């Protein structure tokens, strides 16, 4: 019964906090674009005067990529506790699980960036790129440690090596998603700046579909 409660808290706890944060900060993602109004006038008459424009709401909430990566980050971040326990076990077991200690710090950072993405924090883009680099470097080390364990200890530590490789693959995929989120945040910032400067777009600049 107790394991079931732990699993339920893990699943529904993360989903609940994600939902609350996403809805609370949904307005921060609202984006307006200044669009050119279609005119029936000829091209020469249009060229002689200013182009008529109007403001259009093109985004009402965080793009799908942001929402998916944020939820993924929250769940992965919740692994900080078991990761820390594994690191302590590694200290007692001749340092085998030491790689999980920096992984614990990474998990905490990932958990925090999940909520930062939903809030569209000003520092979210920079932090996402930093975590991307940290995760890639750490998981390269993790895969190298897994290979070392198999070569030195053979089948005895094969399960540990498999865990490191599988987690590394998942973490690599998540890091790539974080990098895409950083690029999306940069594009979002650019489009908002265009609107603030009074620039207009002849067609939709909606990047949610690409996300």
N, C-alpha and C. Protein backbone atom coordinates (compact mmCIF):
# COMPACT_ATOMS: atom_id res chain seq x y z
N UNK A 1 0.82 -1.21 0.00
CA UNK A 1 0.00 0.00 0.00
C UNK A 1 0.86 1.26 0.00
N UNK A 2 1.94 1.25 0.78
CA UNK A 2 2.80 2.42 0.87
C UNK A 2 3.46 2.76 -0.47
N UNK A 3 4.00 1.77 -1.22
CA UNK A 3 4.56 2.11 -2.54
C UNK A 3 3.53 2.75 -3.46
N UNK A 4 2.28 2.27 -3.37
CA UNK A 4 1.23 2.84 -4.21
C UNK A 4 1.01 4.31 -3.88
N UNK A 5 1.04 4.64 -2.58
CA UNK A 5 0.86 6.03 -2.15
C UNK A 5 2.00 6.91 -2.67
N UNK A 6 3.22 6.38 -2.59
CA UNK A 6 4.38 7.13 -3.07
C UNK A 6 4.27 7.41 -4.56
N UNK A 7 3.89 6.38 -5.33
CA UNK A 7 3.75 6.54 -6.78
C UNK A 7 2.64 7.54 -7.11
N UNK A 8 1.53 7.44 -6.37
CA UNK A 8 0.40 8.36 -6.60
C UNK A 8 0.80 9.80 -6.31
N UNK A 9 1.54 10.00 -5.22
CA UNK A 9 2.00 11.35 -4.89
C UNK A 9 2.96 11.87 -5.95
N UNK A 10 3.82 10.97 -6.45
CA UNK A 10 4.78 11.37 -7.48
C UNK A 10 4.05 11.83 -8.74
N UNK A 11 3.05 11.05 -9.17
CA UNK A 11 2.36 11.36 -10.42
C UNK A 11 1.43 12.56 -10.28
N UNK A 12 0.52 12.46 -9.31
CA UNK A 12 -0.51 13.49 -9.20
C UNK A 12 0.01 14.76 -8.53
N UNK A 13 1.03 14.64 -7.68
CA UNK A 13 1.61 15.83 -7.07
C UNK A 13 2.25 16.73 -8.11
N UNK A 14 3.05 16.12 -8.99
CA UNK A 14 3.69 16.90 -10.06
C UNK A 14 2.67 17.49 -11.02
N UNK A 15 1.65 16.70 -11.36
CA UNK A 15 0.63 17.19 -12.28
C UNK A 15 -0.18 18.33 -11.67
N UNK A 16 -0.45 18.23 -10.38
CA UNK A 16 -1.22 19.28 -9.70
C UNK A 16 -0.46 20.60 -9.67
N UNK A 17 0.80 20.55 -9.25
CA UNK A 17 1.58 21.79 -9.17
C UNK A 17 1.81 22.38 -10.56
N UNK A 18 1.98 21.52 -11.56
CA UNK A 18 2.12 22.01 -12.94
C UNK A 18 0.86 22.75 -13.38
N UNK A 19 -0.30 22.14 -13.13
CA UNK A 19 -1.57 22.74 -13.56
C UNK A 19 -1.81 24.08 -12.89
N UNK A 20 -1.55 24.14 -11.58
CA UNK A 20 -1.75 25.39 -10.84
C UNK A 20 -0.84 26.49 -11.39
N UNK A 21 0.43 26.17 -11.59
CA UNK A 21 1.39 27.17 -12.07
C UNK A 21 1.07 27.61 -13.50
N UNK A 22 0.70 26.67 -14.36
CA UNK A 22 0.42 27.01 -15.75
C UNK A 22 -0.79 27.93 -15.86
N UNK A 23 -1.82 27.66 -15.08
CA UNK A 23 -3.03 28.49 -15.15
C UNK A 23 -2.81 29.85 -14.48
N UNK A 24 -2.03 29.87 -13.42
CA UNK A 24 -1.81 31.12 -12.70
C UNK A 24 -1.03 32.12 -13.55
N UNK A 25 -0.08 31.60 -14.35
CA UNK A 25 0.79 32.50 -15.11
C UNK A 25 0.49 32.47 -16.61
N UNK A 26 -0.70 32.02 -16.96
CA UNK A 26 -1.07 31.91 -18.37
C UNK A 26 -1.03 33.26 -19.08
N UNK A 27 -1.43 34.32 -18.37
CA UNK A 27 -1.48 35.64 -19.00
C UNK A 27 -0.10 36.15 -19.40
N UNK A 28 0.93 35.68 -18.73
CA UNK A 28 2.27 36.15 -19.08
C UNK A 28 2.67 35.74 -20.50
N UNK A 29 2.01 34.71 -21.02
CA UNK A 29 2.35 34.22 -22.34
C UNK A 29 1.48 34.83 -23.44
N UNK A 30 0.49 35.65 -23.05
CA UNK A 30 -0.34 36.30 -24.06
C UNK A 30 0.54 37.20 -24.93
N UNK A 31 0.40 37.06 -26.23
CA UNK A 31 1.23 37.85 -27.14
C UNK A 31 0.36 38.48 -28.21
N UNK A 32 0.63 39.75 -28.46
CA UNK A 32 -0.12 40.52 -29.46
C UNK A 32 0.81 40.86 -30.62
N UNK A 33 0.28 40.73 -31.83
CA UNK A 33 1.03 41.15 -33.02
C UNK A 33 0.24 42.23 -33.76
N UNK A 34 0.97 43.13 -34.35
CA UNK A 34 0.35 44.17 -35.17
C UNK A 34 0.33 43.68 -36.61
N UNK A 35 -0.88 43.43 -37.13
CA UNK A 35 -1.04 42.85 -38.46
C UNK A 35 -1.50 43.89 -39.48
N UNK A 36 -1.06 43.68 -40.68
CA UNK A 36 -1.51 44.53 -41.78
C UNK A 36 -2.95 44.19 -42.14
N UNK A 37 -3.80 45.20 -42.28
CA UNK A 37 -5.19 45.00 -42.66
C UNK A 37 -5.28 44.90 -44.18
N UNK A 38 -5.97 43.86 -44.64
CA UNK A 38 -6.13 43.70 -46.08
C UNK A 38 -6.93 44.87 -46.65
N UNK A 39 -6.44 45.40 -47.73
CA UNK A 39 -7.09 46.56 -48.34
C UNK A 39 -7.42 46.24 -49.80
N UNK A 40 -8.54 46.81 -50.26
CA UNK A 40 -8.94 46.62 -51.65
C UNK A 40 -8.35 47.69 -52.56
N UNK A 41 -7.58 48.58 -51.98
CA UNK A 41 -6.96 49.61 -52.80
C UNK A 41 -5.84 49.02 -53.63
N UNK A 42 -5.52 49.68 -54.70
CA UNK A 42 -4.45 49.22 -55.56
C UNK A 42 -3.10 49.38 -54.91
N UNK A 43 -2.08 48.68 -55.40
CA UNK A 43 -0.76 48.74 -54.79
C UNK A 43 -0.13 50.12 -54.84
N UNK A 44 -0.46 50.91 -55.90
CA UNK A 44 0.14 52.24 -56.00
C UNK A 44 -0.45 53.19 -54.97
N UNK A 45 -1.76 53.05 -54.68
CA UNK A 45 -2.38 53.90 -53.66
C UNK A 45 -1.89 53.52 -52.27
N UNK A 46 -1.68 52.21 -52.06
CA UNK A 46 -1.16 51.77 -50.77
C UNK A 46 0.25 52.29 -50.54
N UNK A 47 1.04 52.30 -51.60
CA UNK A 47 2.43 52.74 -51.46
C UNK A 47 2.51 54.22 -51.14
N UNK A 48 1.48 54.96 -51.52
CA UNK A 48 1.51 56.40 -51.29
C UNK A 48 1.24 56.77 -49.84
N UNK A 49 0.55 55.91 -49.10
CA UNK A 49 0.20 56.22 -47.71
C UNK A 49 0.74 55.17 -46.76
N UNK A 50 0.33 55.31 -45.50
CA UNK A 50 0.76 54.35 -44.48
C UNK A 50 -0.07 53.07 -44.58
N UNK A 51 0.50 51.97 -44.14
CA UNK A 51 -0.19 50.69 -44.18
C UNK A 51 -1.11 50.59 -42.97
N UNK A 52 -2.42 50.34 -43.17
CA UNK A 52 -3.33 50.20 -42.02
C UNK A 52 -3.06 48.90 -41.28
N UNK A 53 -3.03 48.97 -39.96
CA UNK A 53 -2.74 47.79 -39.15
C UNK A 53 -3.73 47.70 -37.99
N UNK A 54 -3.75 46.54 -37.36
CA UNK A 54 -4.55 46.34 -36.16
C UNK A 54 -3.86 45.30 -35.29
N UNK A 55 -4.10 45.36 -33.99
CA UNK A 55 -3.51 44.40 -33.06
C UNK A 55 -4.34 43.12 -33.02
N UNK A 56 -3.65 41.99 -33.07
CA UNK A 56 -4.31 40.68 -33.05
C UNK A 56 -3.65 39.82 -31.98
N UNK A 57 -4.47 39.16 -31.16
CA UNK A 57 -3.92 38.23 -30.18
C UNK A 57 -3.59 36.92 -30.88
N UNK A 58 -2.32 36.54 -30.88
CA UNK A 58 -1.89 35.34 -31.58
C UNK A 58 -1.48 34.22 -30.63
N UNK A 59 -1.42 34.52 -29.35
CA UNK A 59 -1.00 33.50 -28.39
C UNK A 59 -1.66 33.79 -27.04
N UNK A 60 -2.32 32.77 -26.48
CA UNK A 60 -3.04 32.96 -25.24
C UNK A 60 -2.44 32.21 -24.06
N UNK A 61 -1.53 31.30 -24.35
CA UNK A 61 -0.90 30.52 -23.28
C UNK A 61 0.48 30.07 -23.75
N UNK A 62 1.20 29.39 -22.88
CA UNK A 62 2.53 28.91 -23.25
C UNK A 62 2.44 27.92 -24.42
N UNK A 63 3.38 27.96 -25.35
CA UNK A 63 3.39 27.00 -26.46
C UNK A 63 3.49 25.56 -25.95
N UNK A 64 3.10 24.62 -26.79
CA UNK A 64 3.08 23.21 -26.40
C UNK A 64 4.46 22.73 -25.96
N UNK A 65 5.50 23.15 -26.67
CA UNK A 65 6.85 22.72 -26.30
C UNK A 65 7.19 23.15 -24.88
N UNK A 66 6.83 24.37 -24.52
CA UNK A 66 7.10 24.87 -23.17
C UNK A 66 6.32 24.05 -22.16
N UNK A 67 5.05 23.80 -22.42
CA UNK A 67 4.21 23.07 -21.46
C UNK A 67 4.70 21.63 -21.29
N UNK A 68 5.01 20.97 -22.40
CA UNK A 68 5.48 19.58 -22.31
C UNK A 68 6.80 19.49 -21.57
N UNK A 69 7.73 20.38 -21.92
CA UNK A 69 9.05 20.35 -21.29
C UNK A 69 8.97 20.72 -19.82
N UNK A 70 8.08 21.64 -19.47
CA UNK A 70 7.91 22.03 -18.07
C UNK A 70 7.42 20.85 -17.24
N UNK A 71 6.41 20.14 -17.73
CA UNK A 71 5.90 18.98 -16.99
C UNK A 71 6.96 17.89 -16.90
N UNK A 72 7.67 17.67 -17.98
CA UNK A 72 8.77 16.70 -18.00
C UNK A 72 9.82 17.10 -16.97
N UNK A 73 10.14 18.38 -16.89
CA UNK A 73 11.15 18.86 -15.95
C UNK A 73 10.70 18.66 -14.50
N UNK A 74 9.43 18.90 -14.24
CA UNK A 74 8.92 18.73 -12.88
C UNK A 74 9.04 17.28 -12.44
N UNK A 75 8.67 16.36 -13.32
CA UNK A 75 8.77 14.94 -12.97
C UNK A 75 10.22 14.49 -12.81
N UNK A 76 11.08 14.94 -13.71
CA UNK A 76 12.49 14.57 -13.59
C UNK A 76 13.12 15.20 -12.36
N UNK A 77 12.70 16.42 -12.03
CA UNK A 77 13.23 17.08 -10.85
C UNK A 77 12.85 16.38 -9.57
N UNK A 78 11.69 15.74 -9.57
CA UNK A 78 11.26 15.01 -8.38
C UNK A 78 12.15 13.80 -8.09
N UNK A 79 12.98 13.44 -9.05
CA UNK A 79 13.91 12.33 -8.84
C UNK A 79 15.13 12.76 -8.04
N UNK A 80 15.18 14.01 -7.61
CA UNK A 80 16.33 14.49 -6.83
C UNK A 80 16.47 13.74 -5.52
N UNK A 81 15.34 13.41 -4.89
CA UNK A 81 15.39 12.71 -3.60
C UNK A 81 15.96 11.30 -3.74
N UNK A 82 15.38 10.44 -4.62
CA UNK A 82 15.99 9.11 -4.78
C UNK A 82 17.41 9.18 -5.33
N UNK A 83 17.68 10.20 -6.16
CA UNK A 83 19.04 10.35 -6.67
C UNK A 83 20.03 10.66 -5.57
N UNK A 84 19.61 11.50 -4.63
CA UNK A 84 20.48 11.82 -3.49
C UNK A 84 20.73 10.61 -2.61
N UNK A 85 19.70 9.80 -2.41
CA UNK A 85 19.86 8.58 -1.61
C UNK A 85 20.82 7.61 -2.29
N UNK A 86 20.71 7.52 -3.62
CA UNK A 86 21.63 6.66 -4.36
C UNK A 86 23.06 7.17 -4.25
N UNK A 87 23.21 8.50 -4.23
CA UNK A 87 24.54 9.07 -4.08
C UNK A 87 25.15 8.75 -2.73
N UNK A 88 24.33 8.80 -1.68
CA UNK A 88 24.81 8.44 -0.35
C UNK A 88 25.20 6.97 -0.31
N UNK A 89 24.41 6.13 -0.97
CA UNK A 89 24.76 4.71 -1.04
C UNK A 89 26.08 4.53 -1.77
N UNK A 90 26.29 5.33 -2.81
CA UNK A 90 27.53 5.23 -3.56
C UNK A 90 28.74 5.60 -2.73
N UNK A 91 28.58 6.57 -1.83
CA UNK A 91 29.68 6.93 -0.95
C UNK A 91 30.07 5.77 -0.06
N UNK A 92 29.07 4.98 0.33
CA UNK A 92 29.34 3.84 1.20
C UNK A 92 29.81 2.63 0.41
N UNK A 93 29.56 2.63 -0.87
CA UNK A 93 29.91 1.47 -1.69
C UNK A 93 31.08 1.81 -2.60
N UNK A 94 32.15 2.27 -2.00
CA UNK A 94 33.41 2.52 -2.71
C UNK A 94 33.26 3.55 -3.83
N UNK A 95 32.32 4.47 -3.68
CA UNK A 95 32.19 5.56 -4.64
C UNK A 95 31.51 5.20 -5.93
N UNK A 96 30.82 4.06 -6.00
CA UNK A 96 30.19 3.64 -7.25
C UNK A 96 29.11 4.61 -7.70
N UNK A 97 28.32 5.12 -6.75
CA UNK A 97 27.19 5.98 -7.12
C UNK A 97 27.48 7.46 -7.03
N UNK A 98 28.74 7.84 -7.01
CA UNK A 98 29.09 9.26 -6.86
C UNK A 98 28.53 10.12 -7.99
N UNK A 99 28.35 9.53 -9.17
CA UNK A 99 27.87 10.30 -10.30
C UNK A 99 26.46 10.81 -10.05
N UNK A 100 25.73 10.15 -9.12
CA UNK A 100 24.36 10.58 -8.85
C UNK A 100 24.29 11.84 -8.00
N UNK A 101 25.39 12.21 -7.33
CA UNK A 101 25.37 13.41 -6.49
C UNK A 101 25.26 14.68 -7.35
N UNK A 102 26.13 14.88 -8.37
CA UNK A 102 25.88 16.03 -9.25
C UNK A 102 24.55 15.91 -9.99
N UNK A 103 24.11 14.66 -10.22
CA UNK A 103 22.81 14.45 -10.83
C UNK A 103 21.68 14.98 -9.96
N UNK A 104 21.88 14.90 -8.65
CA UNK A 104 20.87 15.43 -7.73
C UNK A 104 20.77 16.94 -7.87
N UNK A 105 21.92 17.62 -7.97
CA UNK A 105 21.90 19.07 -8.16
C UNK A 105 21.28 19.44 -9.51
N UNK A 106 21.56 18.62 -10.53
CA UNK A 106 20.95 18.84 -11.84
C UNK A 106 19.43 18.69 -11.75
N UNK A 107 18.98 17.67 -11.01
CA UNK A 107 17.54 17.44 -10.88
C UNK A 107 16.84 18.61 -10.21
N UNK A 108 17.48 19.19 -9.20
CA UNK A 108 16.90 20.35 -8.53
C UNK A 108 16.77 21.52 -9.51
N UNK A 109 17.83 21.74 -10.31
CA UNK A 109 17.79 22.81 -11.30
C UNK A 109 16.72 22.57 -12.35
N UNK A 110 16.57 21.31 -12.77
CA UNK A 110 15.55 20.96 -13.76
C UNK A 110 14.15 21.19 -13.19
N UNK A 111 13.96 20.82 -11.93
CA UNK A 111 12.65 21.02 -11.28
C UNK A 111 12.30 22.51 -11.25
N UNK A 112 13.28 23.33 -10.95
CA UNK A 112 13.03 24.78 -10.86
C UNK A 112 12.78 25.39 -12.24
N UNK A 113 13.50 24.91 -13.26
CA UNK A 113 13.32 25.49 -14.59
C UNK A 113 11.95 25.15 -15.14
N UNK A 114 11.38 24.04 -14.70
CA UNK A 114 10.03 23.69 -15.15
C UNK A 114 9.03 24.78 -14.82
N UNK A 115 9.07 25.26 -13.60
CA UNK A 115 8.16 26.33 -13.19
C UNK A 115 8.57 27.67 -13.80
N UNK A 116 9.88 27.88 -13.97
CA UNK A 116 10.35 29.13 -14.57
C UNK A 116 9.86 29.26 -16.02
N UNK A 117 9.82 28.15 -16.73
CA UNK A 117 9.31 28.17 -18.11
C UNK A 117 7.84 28.56 -18.13
N UNK A 118 7.06 27.98 -17.23
CA UNK A 118 5.63 28.29 -17.19
C UNK A 118 5.38 29.75 -16.83
N UNK A 119 6.25 30.30 -15.99
CA UNK A 119 6.10 31.71 -15.57
C UNK A 119 6.68 32.68 -16.60
N UNK A 120 7.38 32.17 -17.58
CA UNK A 120 8.11 33.00 -18.56
C UNK A 120 9.04 33.96 -17.84
N UNK A 121 9.81 33.41 -16.91
CA UNK A 121 10.76 34.22 -16.15
C UNK A 121 11.78 34.86 -17.10
N UNK A 122 12.24 36.06 -16.80
CA UNK A 122 13.25 36.71 -17.65
C UNK A 122 14.55 35.91 -17.76
N UNK A 123 14.87 35.13 -16.72
CA UNK A 123 16.12 34.36 -16.72
C UNK A 123 15.93 32.94 -17.22
N UNK A 124 14.72 32.56 -17.62
CA UNK A 124 14.45 31.17 -18.00
C UNK A 124 15.28 30.75 -19.22
N UNK A 125 15.43 31.64 -20.18
CA UNK A 125 16.19 31.30 -21.39
C UNK A 125 17.64 30.98 -21.04
N UNK A 126 18.28 31.84 -20.25
CA UNK A 126 19.68 31.62 -19.87
C UNK A 126 19.84 30.36 -19.03
N UNK A 127 18.95 30.17 -18.07
CA UNK A 127 19.04 28.99 -17.20
C UNK A 127 18.82 27.70 -17.99
N UNK A 128 17.92 27.74 -18.96
CA UNK A 128 17.67 26.56 -19.78
C UNK A 128 18.92 26.17 -20.57
N UNK A 129 19.63 27.15 -21.11
CA UNK A 129 20.86 26.86 -21.86
C UNK A 129 21.95 26.33 -20.92
N UNK A 130 22.04 26.90 -19.72
CA UNK A 130 23.04 26.43 -18.76
C UNK A 130 22.77 24.99 -18.35
N UNK A 131 21.51 24.67 -18.07
CA UNK A 131 21.16 23.30 -17.69
C UNK A 131 21.38 22.33 -18.85
N UNK A 132 21.14 22.79 -20.06
CA UNK A 132 21.40 21.96 -21.24
C UNK A 132 22.87 21.55 -21.30
N UNK A 133 23.75 22.51 -21.13
CA UNK A 133 25.19 22.22 -21.19
C UNK A 133 25.61 21.32 -20.03
N UNK A 134 25.09 21.62 -18.83
CA UNK A 134 25.45 20.83 -17.66
C UNK A 134 24.97 19.39 -17.81
N UNK A 135 23.74 19.21 -18.30
CA UNK A 135 23.18 17.87 -18.45
C UNK A 135 23.95 17.06 -19.49
N UNK A 136 24.30 17.69 -20.60
CA UNK A 136 25.06 16.97 -21.63
C UNK A 136 26.41 16.52 -21.09
N UNK A 137 27.12 17.42 -20.41
CA UNK A 137 28.42 17.06 -19.85
C UNK A 137 28.32 15.97 -18.80
N UNK A 138 27.33 16.09 -17.91
CA UNK A 138 27.18 15.11 -16.84
C UNK A 138 26.83 13.74 -17.39
N UNK A 139 25.98 13.69 -18.39
CA UNK A 139 25.56 12.40 -18.92
C UNK A 139 26.63 11.75 -19.78
N UNK A 140 27.50 12.53 -20.37
CA UNK A 140 28.67 11.94 -21.04
C UNK A 140 29.53 11.23 -20.02
N UNK A 141 29.71 11.87 -18.86
CA UNK A 141 30.47 11.23 -17.77
C UNK A 141 29.75 9.99 -17.29
N UNK A 142 28.42 10.07 -17.17
CA UNK A 142 27.64 8.92 -16.71
C UNK A 142 27.77 7.72 -17.62
N UNK A 143 27.71 7.95 -18.93
CA UNK A 143 27.87 6.85 -19.89
C UNK A 143 29.28 6.28 -19.82
N UNK A 144 30.27 7.15 -19.64
CA UNK A 144 31.66 6.69 -19.51
C UNK A 144 31.82 5.83 -18.26
N UNK A 145 31.19 6.24 -17.16
CA UNK A 145 31.24 5.45 -15.92
C UNK A 145 30.58 4.10 -16.13
N UNK A 146 29.46 4.08 -16.85
CA UNK A 146 28.77 2.81 -17.12
C UNK A 146 29.66 1.86 -17.91
N UNK A 147 30.34 2.39 -18.91
CA UNK A 147 31.25 1.57 -19.70
C UNK A 147 32.40 1.06 -18.84
N UNK A 148 32.92 1.91 -17.97
CA UNK A 148 34.01 1.51 -17.07
C UNK A 148 33.57 0.37 -16.15
N UNK A 149 32.36 0.47 -15.61
CA UNK A 149 31.87 -0.56 -14.69
C UNK A 149 31.76 -1.91 -15.38
N UNK A 150 31.28 -1.90 -16.62
CA UNK A 150 31.13 -3.16 -17.35
C UNK A 150 32.49 -3.75 -17.68
N UNK A 151 33.43 -2.91 -18.11
CA UNK A 151 34.75 -3.40 -18.49
C UNK A 151 35.54 -3.92 -17.29
N UNK A 152 35.39 -3.28 -16.15
CA UNK A 152 36.18 -3.65 -14.97
C UNK A 152 35.51 -4.74 -14.15
N UNK A 153 34.21 -4.60 -13.90
CA UNK A 153 33.53 -5.53 -13.01
C UNK A 153 32.67 -6.56 -13.73
N UNK A 154 32.50 -6.41 -15.03
CA UNK A 154 31.75 -7.38 -15.79
C UNK A 154 30.26 -7.37 -15.48
N UNK A 155 29.67 -8.56 -15.53
CA UNK A 155 28.22 -8.70 -15.36
C UNK A 155 27.76 -8.35 -13.95
N UNK A 156 28.67 -8.32 -13.01
CA UNK A 156 28.29 -8.05 -11.62
C UNK A 156 27.62 -6.69 -11.46
N UNK A 157 28.11 -5.70 -12.17
CA UNK A 157 27.54 -4.35 -12.07
C UNK A 157 26.84 -3.93 -13.37
N UNK A 158 26.48 -4.92 -14.17
CA UNK A 158 25.77 -4.61 -15.41
C UNK A 158 24.44 -3.90 -15.17
N UNK A 159 23.64 -4.31 -14.17
CA UNK A 159 22.38 -3.58 -13.92
C UNK A 159 22.60 -2.10 -13.62
N UNK A 160 23.64 -1.79 -12.84
CA UNK A 160 23.94 -0.39 -12.53
C UNK A 160 24.31 0.37 -13.80
N UNK A 161 25.11 -0.27 -14.66
CA UNK A 161 25.51 0.36 -15.92
C UNK A 161 24.30 0.62 -16.81
N UNK A 162 23.37 -0.33 -16.84
CA UNK A 162 22.17 -0.17 -17.66
C UNK A 162 21.34 1.01 -17.16
N UNK A 163 21.21 1.13 -15.84
CA UNK A 163 20.47 2.25 -15.26
C UNK A 163 21.10 3.58 -15.67
N UNK A 164 22.43 3.65 -15.60
CA UNK A 164 23.12 4.89 -15.97
C UNK A 164 22.90 5.24 -17.44
N UNK A 165 22.95 4.23 -18.31
CA UNK A 165 22.80 4.48 -19.74
C UNK A 165 21.36 4.89 -20.07
N UNK A 166 20.39 4.19 -19.48
CA UNK A 166 18.98 4.52 -19.75
C UNK A 166 18.66 5.93 -19.24
N UNK A 167 19.09 6.23 -18.02
CA UNK A 167 18.84 7.57 -17.49
C UNK A 167 19.55 8.62 -18.33
N UNK A 168 20.77 8.29 -18.79
CA UNK A 168 21.50 9.22 -19.64
C UNK A 168 20.77 9.52 -20.93
N UNK A 169 20.19 8.49 -21.54
CA UNK A 169 19.45 8.69 -22.79
C UNK A 169 18.23 9.59 -22.57
N UNK A 170 17.50 9.35 -21.47
CA UNK A 170 16.34 10.18 -21.16
C UNK A 170 16.77 11.61 -20.88
N UNK A 171 17.87 11.76 -20.16
CA UNK A 171 18.36 13.09 -19.81
C UNK A 171 18.87 13.84 -21.03
N UNK A 172 19.51 13.12 -21.96
CA UNK A 172 19.95 13.75 -23.21
C UNK A 172 18.75 14.31 -23.98
N UNK A 173 17.68 13.51 -24.06
CA UNK A 173 16.47 13.95 -24.76
C UNK A 173 15.86 15.17 -24.08
N UNK A 174 15.85 15.16 -22.75
CA UNK A 174 15.30 16.29 -22.02
C UNK A 174 16.16 17.54 -22.22
N UNK A 175 17.47 17.36 -22.22
CA UNK A 175 18.38 18.49 -22.43
C UNK A 175 18.14 19.12 -23.80
N UNK A 176 17.92 18.28 -24.81
CA UNK A 176 17.63 18.80 -26.15
C UNK A 176 16.33 19.60 -26.15
N UNK A 177 15.33 19.13 -25.39
CA UNK A 177 14.07 19.87 -25.29
C UNK A 177 14.28 21.21 -24.60
N UNK A 178 15.13 21.24 -23.58
CA UNK A 178 15.43 22.51 -22.90
C UNK A 178 16.09 23.49 -23.85
N UNK A 179 16.98 23.00 -24.69
CA UNK A 179 17.66 23.87 -25.65
C UNK A 179 16.66 24.45 -26.66
N UNK A 180 15.71 23.62 -27.09
CA UNK A 180 14.67 24.11 -28.00
C UNK A 180 13.79 25.16 -27.31
N UNK A 181 13.52 24.93 -26.02
CA UNK A 181 12.74 25.93 -25.26
C UNK A 181 13.48 27.26 -25.18
N UNK A 182 14.79 27.19 -24.98
CA UNK A 182 15.58 28.42 -24.93
C UNK A 182 15.51 29.17 -26.25
N UNK A 183 15.58 28.44 -27.36
CA UNK A 183 15.46 29.08 -28.68
C UNK A 183 14.07 29.68 -28.87
N UNK A 184 13.05 28.97 -28.39
CA UNK A 184 11.69 29.47 -28.51
C UNK A 184 11.49 30.74 -27.68
N UNK A 185 12.07 30.76 -26.49
CA UNK A 185 11.99 31.95 -25.64
C UNK A 185 12.67 33.14 -26.29
N UNK A 186 13.80 32.88 -26.95
CA UNK A 186 14.50 33.96 -27.65
C UNK A 186 13.65 34.52 -28.79
N UNK A 187 12.98 33.63 -29.52
CA UNK A 187 12.11 34.07 -30.61
C UNK A 187 10.90 34.83 -30.07
N UNK A 188 10.35 34.34 -28.97
CA UNK A 188 9.22 35.03 -28.34
C UNK A 188 9.61 36.44 -27.92
N UNK A 189 10.80 36.56 -27.35
CA UNK A 189 11.29 37.88 -26.92
C UNK A 189 11.47 38.81 -28.12
N UNK A 190 11.97 38.27 -29.23
CA UNK A 190 12.18 39.08 -30.43
C UNK A 190 10.85 39.60 -30.98
N UNK A 191 9.84 38.73 -31.03
CA UNK A 191 8.55 39.12 -31.57
C UNK A 191 7.86 40.16 -30.69
N UNK A 192 8.01 40.02 -29.38
CA UNK A 192 7.42 41.01 -28.47
C UNK A 192 8.11 42.37 -28.65
N UNK A 193 9.41 42.33 -28.87
CA UNK A 193 10.14 43.58 -29.08
C UNK A 193 9.69 44.26 -30.36
N UNK A 194 9.42 43.48 -31.41
CA UNK A 194 8.92 44.05 -32.66
C UNK A 194 7.60 44.77 -32.45
N UNK A 195 6.72 44.15 -31.67
CA UNK A 195 5.42 44.78 -31.40
C UNK A 195 5.60 46.06 -30.59
N UNK A 196 6.49 46.02 -29.61
CA UNK A 196 6.72 47.21 -28.78
C UNK A 196 7.30 48.36 -29.60
N UNK A 197 8.05 48.01 -30.65
CA UNK A 197 8.64 49.03 -31.51
C UNK A 197 7.66 49.57 -32.55
N UNK A 198 6.47 48.99 -32.59
CA UNK A 198 5.46 49.44 -33.54
C UNK A 198 5.53 48.76 -34.88
N UNK A 199 6.38 47.74 -35.01
CA UNK A 199 6.48 47.03 -36.29
C UNK A 199 5.26 46.14 -36.49
N UNK A 200 4.93 45.89 -37.74
CA UNK A 200 3.80 45.01 -38.03
C UNK A 200 4.28 43.82 -38.84
N UNK A 201 3.51 42.75 -38.82
CA UNK A 201 3.85 41.54 -39.56
C UNK A 201 2.79 41.30 -40.62
N UNK A 202 3.19 41.03 -41.86
CA UNK A 202 2.22 40.80 -42.92
C UNK A 202 1.49 39.47 -42.78
N UNK A 203 2.02 38.56 -41.98
CA UNK A 203 1.37 37.27 -41.77
C UNK A 203 1.70 36.79 -40.36
N UNK A 204 1.05 35.72 -39.96
CA UNK A 204 1.19 35.23 -38.59
C UNK A 204 2.61 34.78 -38.32
N UNK A 205 3.09 35.13 -37.15
CA UNK A 205 4.41 34.67 -36.69
C UNK A 205 4.21 33.68 -35.54
N UNK A 206 3.21 32.82 -35.68
CA UNK A 206 2.85 31.89 -34.61
C UNK A 206 3.78 30.69 -34.68
N UNK A 207 4.63 30.51 -33.67
CA UNK A 207 5.59 29.41 -33.69
C UNK A 207 5.13 28.25 -32.83
N UNK A 208 3.87 28.23 -32.40
CA UNK A 208 3.40 27.12 -31.58
C UNK A 208 3.36 25.82 -32.38
N UNK A 209 2.98 25.91 -33.66
CA UNK A 209 2.90 24.70 -34.46
C UNK A 209 4.27 24.06 -34.60
N UNK A 210 5.30 24.89 -34.78
CA UNK A 210 6.66 24.36 -34.90
C UNK A 210 7.14 23.79 -33.59
N UNK A 211 6.60 24.30 -32.48
CA UNK A 211 7.01 23.81 -31.17
C UNK A 211 6.49 22.43 -30.92
